[in-house]
Amino acid sequence: MARPIKETPILFGEDARRFEERMKHPRRETKEERERRIANYNLIMSIFKK
């Protein structure tokens, strides 16, 4: 039987401030990083398809 999903915790104080700042300024990815990430993804997916 499945377990119930717990409620998402609420952030307060410094944790909330840091989270909000990170959401306002997402990390950018270079073209090379994106290509490497996609190549890794395709490699893993090819393993699962076999």
C-alpha atoms as a PDB file:
ATOM      1  CA  MET A   1       0.000   0.000   0.000  1.00  0.00           C
ATOM      2  CA  ALA A   2       1.273   3.487  -0.833  1.00  0.00           C
ATOM      3  CA  ARG A   3       2.311   5.894   1.871  1.00  0.00           C
ATOM      4  CA  PRO A   4       0.668   9.320   2.050  1.00  0.00           C
ATOM      5  CA  ILE A   5       2.693  12.250   0.734  1.00  0.00           C
ATOM      6  CA  LYS A   6       3.982  14.503   3.506  1.00  0.00           C
ATOM      7  CA  GLU A   7       3.319  18.235   3.453  1.00  0.00           C
ATOM      8  CA  THR A   8       5.995  20.469   1.947  1.00  0.00           C
ATOM      9  CA  PRO A   9       7.920  22.282   4.687  1.00  0.00           C
ATOM     10  CA  ILE A  10       7.674  26.072   4.792  1.00  0.00           C
ATOM     11  CA  LEU A  11      10.897  28.082   4.721  1.00  0.00           C
ATOM     12  CA  PHE A  12      11.448  30.877   7.207  1.00  0.00           C
ATOM     13  CA  GLY A  13      14.139  33.457   7.884  1.00  0.00           C
ATOM     14  CA  GLU A  14      17.530  33.146   6.231  1.00  0.00           C
ATOM     15  CA  ASP A  15      16.595  29.922   4.413  1.00  0.00           C
ATOM     16  CA  ALA A  16      13.626  31.648   2.777  1.00  0.00           C
ATOM     17  CA  ARG A  17      15.727  34.653   1.760  1.00  0.00           C
ATOM     18  CA  ARG A  18      18.431  32.466   0.153  1.00  0.00           C
ATOM     19  CA  PHE A  19      15.834  30.373  -1.674  1.00  0.00           C
ATOM     20  CA  GLU A  20      14.127  33.448  -3.078  1.00  0.00           C
ATOM     21  CA  GLU A  21      17.439  34.913  -4.282  1.00  0.00           C
ATOM     22  CA  ARG A  22      18.350  31.652  -6.012  1.00  0.00           C
ATOM     23  CA  MET A  23      14.978  31.602  -7.786  1.00  0.00           C
ATOM     24  CA  LYS A  24      15.439  35.201  -8.982  1.00  0.00           C
ATOM     25  CA  HIS A  25      18.888  34.450 -10.455  1.00  0.00           C
ATOM     26  CA  PRO A  26      18.901  30.984 -11.998  1.00  0.00           C
ATOM     27  CA  ARG A  27      22.255  29.496 -12.924  1.00  0.00           C
ATOM     28  CA  ARG A  28      23.079  29.792 -16.641  1.00  0.00           C
ATOM     29  CA  GLU A  29      24.472  26.851 -18.545  1.00  0.00           C
ATOM     30  CA  THR A  30      27.052  27.162 -21.318  1.00  0.00           C
ATOM     31  CA  LYS A  31      26.586  25.515 -24.691  1.00  0.00           C
ATOM     32  CA  GLU A  32      29.269  22.928 -23.821  1.00  0.00           C
ATOM     33  CA  GLU A  33      27.619  22.076 -20.482  1.00  0.00           C
ATOM     34  CA  ARG A  34      24.251  21.643 -22.198  1.00  0.00           C
ATOM     35  CA  GLU A  35      25.719  19.380 -24.880  1.00  0.00           C
ATOM     36  CA  ARG A  36      27.474  17.257 -22.224  1.00  0.00           C
ATOM     37  CA  ARG A  37      24.268  16.996 -20.167  1.00  0.00           C
ATOM     38  CA  ILE A  38      22.220  15.916 -23.197  1.00  0.00           C
ATOM     39  CA  ALA A  39      24.891  13.385 -24.253  1.00  0.00           C
ATOM     40  CA  ASN A  40      24.902  11.892 -20.744  1.00  0.00           C
ATOM     41  CA  TYR A  41      21.106  11.723 -20.755  1.00  0.00           C
ATOM     42  CA  ASN A  42      21.047   9.980 -24.131  1.00  0.00           C
ATOM     43  CA  LEU A  43      23.666   7.478 -22.934  1.00  0.00           C
ATOM     44  CA  ILE A  44      21.645   6.557 -19.846  1.00  0.00           C
ATOM     45  CA  MET A  45      18.393   6.322 -21.814  1.00  0.00           C
ATOM     46  CA  SER A  46      20.040   4.015 -24.368  1.00  0.00           C
ATOM     47  CA  ILE A  47      21.049   1.678 -21.534  1.00  0.00           C
ATOM     48  CA  PHE A  48      17.458   1.506 -20.280  1.00  0.00           C
ATOM     49  CA  LYS A  49      16.022   0.886 -23.748  1.00  0.00           C
ATOM     50  CA  LYS A  50      18.103  -2.265 -24.247  1.00  0.00           C
END
